[in-house]
PDB file of N, CA and C in Angstrom:
ATOM      1  N   MET A   1    -190.043  32.621-186.533  1.00  0.00           N
ATOM      2  CA  MET A   1    -190.689  32.369-185.436  1.00  0.00           C
ATOM      3  C   MET A   1    -191.903  32.992-185.480  1.00  0.00           C
ATOM      4  N   GLY A   2    -191.886  33.899-186.384  1.00  0.00           N
ATOM      5  CA  GLY A   2    -193.639  34.913-186.590  1.00  0.00           C
ATOM      6  C   GLY A   2    -193.995  35.496-185.335  1.00  0.00           C
ATOM      7  N   ARG A   3    -193.338  36.051-184.589  1.00  0.00           N
ATOM      8  CA  ARG A   3    -193.547  36.660-183.071  1.00  0.00           C
ATOM      9  C   ARG A   3    -192.797  38.053-183.082  1.00  0.00           C
ATOM     10  N   VAL A   4    -192.901  38.778-184.467  1.00  0.00           N
ATOM     11  CA  VAL A   4    -191.870  40.115-184.441  1.00  0.00           C
ATOM     12  C   VAL A   4    -192.240  40.802-183.172  1.00  0.00           C
ATOM     13  N   ARG A   5    -193.850  41.226-183.366  1.00  0.00           N
ATOM     14  CA  ARG A   5    -194.168  42.337-182.715  1.00  0.00           C
ATOM     15  C   ARG A   5    -193.970  41.943-181.065  1.00  0.00           C
ATOM     16  N   GLU A   6    -194.053  40.813-180.446  1.00  0.00           N
ATOM     17  CA  GLU A   6    -193.947  40.459-179.554  1.00  0.00           C
ATOM     18  C   GLU A   6    -192.537  40.242-178.506  1.00  0.00           C
ATOM     19  N   LEU A   7    -191.707  39.918-179.705  1.00  0.00           N
ATOM     20  CA  LEU A   7    -190.340  40.079-179.406  1.00  0.00           C
ATOM     21  C   LEU A   7    -190.007  41.532-179.232  1.00  0.00           C
ATOM     22  N   ARG A   8    -190.444  42.141-180.254  1.00  0.00           N
ATOM     23  CA  ARG A   8    -189.852  43.672-180.063  1.00  0.00           C
ATOM     24  C   ARG A   8    -190.113  44.229-178.617  1.00  0.00           C
ATOM     25  N   GLU A   9    -191.368  43.608-178.395  1.00  0.00           N
ATOM     26  CA  GLU A   9    -192.106  44.444-176.964  1.00  0.00           C
ATOM     27  C   GLU A   9    -191.169  43.706-175.850  1.00  0.00           C
ATOM     28  N   LEU A  10    -190.826  42.469-175.940  1.00  0.00           N
ATOM     29  CA  LEU A  10    -190.016  41.989-175.098  1.00  0.00           C
ATOM     30  C   LEU A  10    -188.430  42.828-175.012  1.00  0.00           C
ATOM     31  N   ARG A  11    -188.183  42.885-175.995  1.00  0.00           N
ATOM     32  CA  ARG A  11    -186.813  43.268-176.143  1.00  0.00           C
ATOM     33  C   ARG A  11    -186.890  44.911-175.459  1.00  0.00           C
ATOM     34  N   ASP A  12    -187.786  45.735-175.693  1.00  0.00           N
ATOM     35  CA  ASP A  12    -188.144  46.977-175.169  1.00  0.00           C
ATOM     36  C   ASP A  12    -188.466  46.995-173.586  1.00  0.00           C
ATOM     37  N   ALA A  13    -188.813  46.027-173.415  1.00  0.00           N
ATOM     38  CA  ALA A  13    -189.171  45.704-171.534  1.00  0.00           C
ATOM     39  C   ALA A  13    -187.679  45.052-171.178  1.00  0.00           C
ATOM     40  N   TYR A  14    -187.093  44.332-172.454  1.00  0.00           N
ATOM     41  CA  TYR A  14    -185.470  44.443-171.453  1.00  0.00           C
ATOM     42  C   TYR A  14    -184.566  45.501-171.294  1.00  0.00           C
ATOM     43  N   ALA A  15    -184.763  46.448-172.525  1.00  0.00           N
ATOM     44  CA  ALA A  15    -184.143  47.541-172.458  1.00  0.00           C
ATOM     45  C   ALA A  15    -184.662  48.408-171.206  1.00  0.00           C
ATOM     46  N   GLY A  16    -185.762  48.651-170.911  1.00  0.00           N
ATOM     47  CA  GLY A  16    -186.293  49.133-169.780  1.00  0.00           C
ATOM     48  C   GLY A  16    -185.532  48.871-168.710  1.00  0.00           C
ATOM     49  N   ALA A  17    -185.949  47.307-168.771  1.00  0.00           N
ATOM     50  CA  ALA A  17    -184.820  47.070-167.083  1.00  0.00           C
ATOM     51  C   ALA A  17    -183.573  47.356-167.130  1.00  0.00           C
ATOM     52  N   ARG A  18    -182.880  46.962-168.109  1.00  0.00           N
ATOM     53  CA  ARG A  18    -181.304  47.543-168.179  1.00  0.00           C
ATOM     54  C   ARG A  18    -181.544  49.030-167.969  1.00  0.00           C
ATOM     55  N   ALA A  19    -182.192  49.937-167.864  1.00  0.00           N
ATOM     56  CA  ALA A  19    -182.103  50.942-167.224  1.00  0.00           C
ATOM     57  C   ALA A  19    -182.737  51.299-166.230  1.00  0.00           C
ATOM     58  N   GLY A  20    -183.151  50.432-165.554  1.00  0.00           N
ATOM     59  CA  GLY A  20    -183.540  50.592-163.722  1.00  0.00           C
ATOM     60  C   GLY A  20    -185.207  50.538-163.950  1.00  0.00           C
ATOM     61  N   HIS A  21    -185.847  50.358-165.020  1.00  0.00           N
ATOM     62  CA  HIS A  21    -187.021  50.045-165.167  1.00  0.00           C
ATOM     63  C   HIS A  21    -187.791  48.486-165.075  1.00  0.00           C
ATOM     64  N   GLY A  22    -188.247  47.879-163.879  1.00  0.00           N
ATOM     65  CA  GLY A  22    -188.588  46.401-164.043  1.00  0.00           C
ATOM     66  C   GLY A  22    -190.090  46.334-164.185  1.00  0.00           C
ATOM     67  N   GLY A  23    -190.221  45.022-164.278  1.00  0.00           N
ATOM     68  CA  GLY A  23    -191.651  44.738-165.027  1.00  0.00           C
ATOM     69  C   GLY A  23    -191.685  43.103-164.812  1.00  0.00           C
ATOM     70  N   THR A  24    -192.866  42.832-165.647  1.00  0.00           N
ATOM     71  CA  THR A  24    -193.109  41.457-165.502  1.00  0.00           C
ATOM     72  C   THR A  24    -194.132  41.354-166.893  1.00  0.00           C
ATOM     73  N   HIS A  25    -193.572  40.454-167.108  1.00  0.00           N
ATOM     74  CA  HIS A  25    -194.033  39.789-168.526  1.00  0.00           C
ATOM     75  C   HIS A  25    -194.517  38.533-168.526  1.00  0.00           C
ATOM     76  N   LEU A  26    -195.831  38.073-169.109  1.00  0.00           N
ATOM     77  CA  LEU A  26    -196.492  36.579-169.405  1.00  0.00           C
ATOM     78  C   LEU A  26    -196.187  36.246-170.918  1.00  0.00           C
ATOM     79  N   VAL A  27    -195.953  35.205-170.966  1.00  0.00           N
ATOM     80  CA  VAL A  27    -195.681  34.371-172.290  1.00  0.00           C
ATOM     81  C   VAL A  27    -196.866  33.393-172.256  1.00  0.00           C
ATOM     82  N   LEU A  28    -197.962  33.813-172.734  1.00  0.00           N
ATOM     83  CA  LEU A  28    -199.019  32.550-172.801  1.00  0.00           C
ATOM     84  C   LEU A  28    -199.362  32.077-174.333  1.00  0.00           C
ATOM     85  N   GLY A  29    -200.089  31.051-174.168  1.00  0.00           N
ATOM     86  CA  GLY A  29    -200.799  30.263-175.369  1.00  0.00           C
ATOM     87  C   GLY A  29    -200.204  28.991-175.121  1.00  0.00           C
ATOM     88  N   GLU A  30    -201.379  28.375-176.200  1.00  0.00           N
ATOM     89  CA  GLU A  30    -201.797  27.083-176.279  1.00  0.00           C
ATOM     90  C   GLU A  30    -200.014  26.129-176.848  1.00  0.00           C
ATOM     91  N   PRO A  31    -199.975  25.187-176.130  1.00  0.00           N
ATOM     92  CA  PRO A  31    -198.792  24.249-176.575  1.00  0.00           C
ATOM     93  C   PRO A  31    -198.380  24.380-178.136  1.00  0.00           C
ATOM     94  N   GLY A  32    -197.036  24.263-178.242  1.00  0.00           N
ATOM     95  CA  GLY A  32    -196.436  24.524-179.788  1.00  0.00           C
ATOM     96  C   GLY A  32    -196.520  25.768-180.389  1.00  0.00           C
ATOM     97  N   VAL A  33    -197.308  26.784-179.749  1.00  0.00           N
ATOM     98  CA  VAL A  33    -196.989  27.893-180.507  1.00  0.00           C
ATOM     99  C   VAL A  33    -195.948  28.925-180.161  1.00  0.00           C
ATOM    100  N   GLY A  34    -194.888  28.441-179.666  1.00  0.00           N
ATOM    101  CA  GLY A  34    -193.829  29.356-179.515  1.00  0.00           C
ATOM    102  C   GLY A  34    -193.354  29.953-178.871  1.00  0.00           C
ATOM    103  N   LYS A  35    -193.640  29.676-177.717  1.00  0.00           N
ATOM    104  CA  LYS A  35    -193.823  30.459-176.115  1.00  0.00           C
ATOM    105  C   LYS A  35    -192.241  30.067-176.029  1.00  0.00           C
ATOM    106  N   THR A  36    -191.417  28.944-175.600  1.00  0.00           N
ATOM    107  CA  THR A  36    -190.460  28.625-175.289  1.00  0.00           C
ATOM    108  C   THR A  36    -189.499  29.550-176.647  1.00  0.00           C
ATOM    109  N   ARG A  37    -189.736  29.256-177.745  1.00  0.00           N
ATOM    110  CA  ARG A  37    -188.783  29.785-178.805  1.00  0.00           C
ATOM    111  C   ARG A  37    -188.751  31.515-178.776  1.00  0.00           C
ATOM    112  N   LEU A  38    -189.652  32.046-177.944  1.00  0.00           N
ATOM    113  CA  LEU A  38    -189.917  33.284-178.042  1.00  0.00           C
ATOM    114  C   LEU A  38    -188.877  33.897-176.936  1.00  0.00           C
ATOM    115  N   ALA A  39    -189.083  33.221-175.528  1.00  0.00           N
ATOM    116  CA  ALA A  39    -188.295  33.221-174.674  1.00  0.00           C
ATOM    117  C   ALA A  39    -186.892  32.939-174.856  1.00  0.00           C
ATOM    118  N   ALA A  40    -186.417  32.118-175.671  1.00  0.00           N
ATOM    119  CA  ALA A  40    -184.979  31.743-176.133  1.00  0.00           C
ATOM    120  C   ALA A  40    -184.473  32.793-177.044  1.00  0.00           C
ATOM    121  N   ALA A  41    -185.292  33.371-177.751  1.00  0.00           N
ATOM    122  CA  ALA A  41    -184.743  34.462-178.702  1.00  0.00           C
ATOM    123  C   ALA A  41    -184.816  35.636-177.923  1.00  0.00           C
ATOM    124  N   LEU A  42    -185.279  36.137-176.649  1.00  0.00           N
ATOM    125  CA  LEU A  42    -184.905  37.207-175.903  1.00  0.00           C
ATOM    126  C   LEU A  42    -183.639  36.468-174.805  1.00  0.00           C
ATOM    127  N   ALA A  43    -183.841  35.491-174.481  1.00  0.00           N
ATOM    128  CA  ALA A  43    -182.604  35.184-173.606  1.00  0.00           C
ATOM    129  C   ALA A  43    -181.053  35.267-174.513  1.00  0.00           C
ATOM    130  N   GLU A  44    -181.133  34.916-175.806  1.00  0.00           N
ATOM    131  CA  GLU A  44    -180.281  35.015-176.737  1.00  0.00           C
ATOM    132  C   GLU A  44    -179.511  36.707-176.828  1.00  0.00           C
ATOM    133  N   HIS A  45    -180.816  37.304-177.088  1.00  0.00           N
ATOM    134  CA  HIS A  45    -180.245  38.644-177.524  1.00  0.00           C
ATOM    135  C   HIS A  45    -179.857  39.276-176.062  1.00  0.00           C
ATOM    136  N   ALA A  46    -180.255  39.152-174.646  1.00  0.00           N
ATOM    137  CA  ALA A  46    -180.110  39.612-173.686  1.00  0.00           C
ATOM    138  C   ALA A  46    -178.359  39.091-173.584  1.00  0.00           C
ATOM    139  N   ALA A  47    -178.280  37.910-173.541  1.00  0.00           N
ATOM    140  CA  ALA A  47    -176.864  37.259-173.380  1.00  0.00           C
ATOM    141  C   ALA A  47    -175.887  38.001-174.471  1.00  0.00           C
ATOM    142  N   ALA A  48    -176.233  38.273-175.718  1.00  0.00           N
ATOM    143  CA  ALA A  48    -175.063  38.504-176.883  1.00  0.00           C
ATOM    144  C   ALA A  48    -175.309  40.331-176.248  1.00  0.00           C
ATOM    145  N   ASP A  49    -176.122  40.727-175.044  1.00  0.00           N
ATOM    146  CA  ASP A  49    -175.967  42.313-174.817  1.00  0.00           C
ATOM    147  C   ASP A  49    -174.868  42.482-173.808  1.00  0.00           C
ATOM    148  N   GLY A  50    -174.870  41.086-173.053  1.00  0.00           N
ATOM    149  CA  GLY A  50    -174.015  41.013-171.923  1.00  0.00           C
ATOM    150  C   GLY A  50    -174.564  40.761-170.748  1.00  0.00           C
ATOM    151  N   ALA A  51    -175.972  40.512-170.636  1.00  0.00           N
ATOM    152  CA  ALA A  51    -176.421  40.215-169.606  1.00  0.00           C
ATOM    153  C   ALA A  51    -176.275  38.584-169.237  1.00  0.00           C
ATOM    154  N   THR A  52    -176.501  38.039-167.967  1.00  0.00           N
ATOM    155  CA  THR A  52    -176.403  36.779-167.271  1.00  0.00           C
ATOM    156  C   THR A  52    -177.672  36.232-167.308  1.00  0.00           C
ATOM    157  N   VAL A  53    -177.783  35.121-168.290  1.00  0.00           N
ATOM    158  CA  VAL A  53    -179.004  34.670-168.268  1.00  0.00           C
ATOM    159  C   VAL A  53    -179.209  33.216-167.386  1.00  0.00           C
ATOM    160  N   VAL A  54    -180.335  33.354-167.137  1.00  0.00           N
ATOM    161  CA  VAL A  54    -180.535  32.058-166.411  1.00  0.00           C
ATOM    162  C   VAL A  54    -181.506  31.506-166.625  1.00  0.00           C
ATOM    163  N   TRP A  55    -181.758  30.066-167.085  1.00  0.00           N
ATOM    164  CA  TRP A  55    -182.753  29.351-167.842  1.00  0.00           C
ATOM    165  C   TRP A  55    -183.002  28.135-167.051  1.00  0.00           C
ATOM    166  N   THR A  56    -184.296  27.724-166.836  1.00  0.00           N
ATOM    167  CA  THR A  56    -184.737  26.540-166.024  1.00  0.00           C
ATOM    168  C   THR A  56    -186.039  26.172-166.753  1.00  0.00           C
ATOM    169  N   ARG A  57    -186.520  25.039-166.356  1.00  0.00           N
ATOM    170  CA  ARG A  57    -187.687  24.596-166.631  1.00  0.00           C
ATOM    171  C   ARG A  57    -188.390  23.753-165.317  1.00  0.00           C
ATOM    172  N   GLY A  58    -189.778  23.539-165.277  1.00  0.00           N
ATOM    173  CA  GLY A  58    -190.234  22.670-164.430  1.00  0.00           C
ATOM    174  C   GLY A  58    -190.301  21.331-165.018  1.00  0.00           C
ATOM    175  N   TRP A  59    -190.351  20.538-163.879  1.00  0.00           N
ATOM    176  CA  TRP A  59    -190.531  18.797-164.199  1.00  0.00           C
ATOM    177  C   TRP A  59    -191.532  18.376-163.150  1.00  0.00           C
ATOM    178  N   GLY A  60    -192.184  17.451-164.074  1.00  0.00           N
ATOM    179  CA  GLY A  60    -193.470  16.548-163.144  1.00  0.00           C
ATOM    180  C   GLY A  60    -194.568  17.400-163.147  1.00  0.00           C
ATOM    181  N   ARG A  61    -195.307  17.222-161.902  1.00  0.00           N
ATOM    182  CA  ARG A  61    -196.366  17.916-161.470  1.00  0.00           C
ATOM    183  C   ARG A  61    -196.476  18.139-160.118  1.00  0.00           C
ATOM    184  N   ALA A  62    -195.239  19.125-159.881  1.00  0.00           N
ATOM    185  CA  ALA A  62    -194.890  19.269-158.509  1.00  0.00           C
ATOM    186  C   ALA A  62    -195.479  20.691-158.333  1.00  0.00           C
ATOM    187  N   ALA A  63    -196.075  21.442-159.135  1.00  0.00           N
ATOM    188  CA  ALA A  63    -196.329  22.698-159.087  1.00  0.00           C
ATOM    189  C   ALA A  63    -197.125  23.284-160.134  1.00  0.00           C
ATOM    190  N   PRO A  64    -198.123  23.558-160.163  1.00  0.00           N
ATOM    191  CA  PRO A  64    -198.940  24.144-161.344  1.00  0.00           C
ATOM    192  C   PRO A  64    -198.232  25.411-161.968  1.00  0.00           C
ATOM    193  N   ALA A  65    -198.696  25.447-163.039  1.00  0.00           N
ATOM    194  CA  ALA A  65    -197.559  27.050-163.522  1.00  0.00           C
ATOM    195  C   ALA A  65    -198.517  28.070-162.763  1.00  0.00           C
ATOM    196  N   TYR A  66    -197.421  29.382-162.816  1.00  0.00           N
ATOM    197  CA  TYR A  66    -197.722  30.654-162.323  1.00  0.00           C
ATOM    198  C   TYR A  66    -197.788  30.247-160.877  1.00  0.00           C
TER     199      TYR A  66
END
């Protein structure tokens, strides 16, 4: 995937959330740079840790990003 630092940051944020410290992280980048794969890697990590993971994606042009 090539996003070791970014995945580490997200895993650290996940650990903080598990400890009761919430926050928001945005994954930004051009199409095809691995944003979905990065999010999927975090979801896999969280699921393996026992978290309930909900995954969705937008479709059409009903609403802009963000």
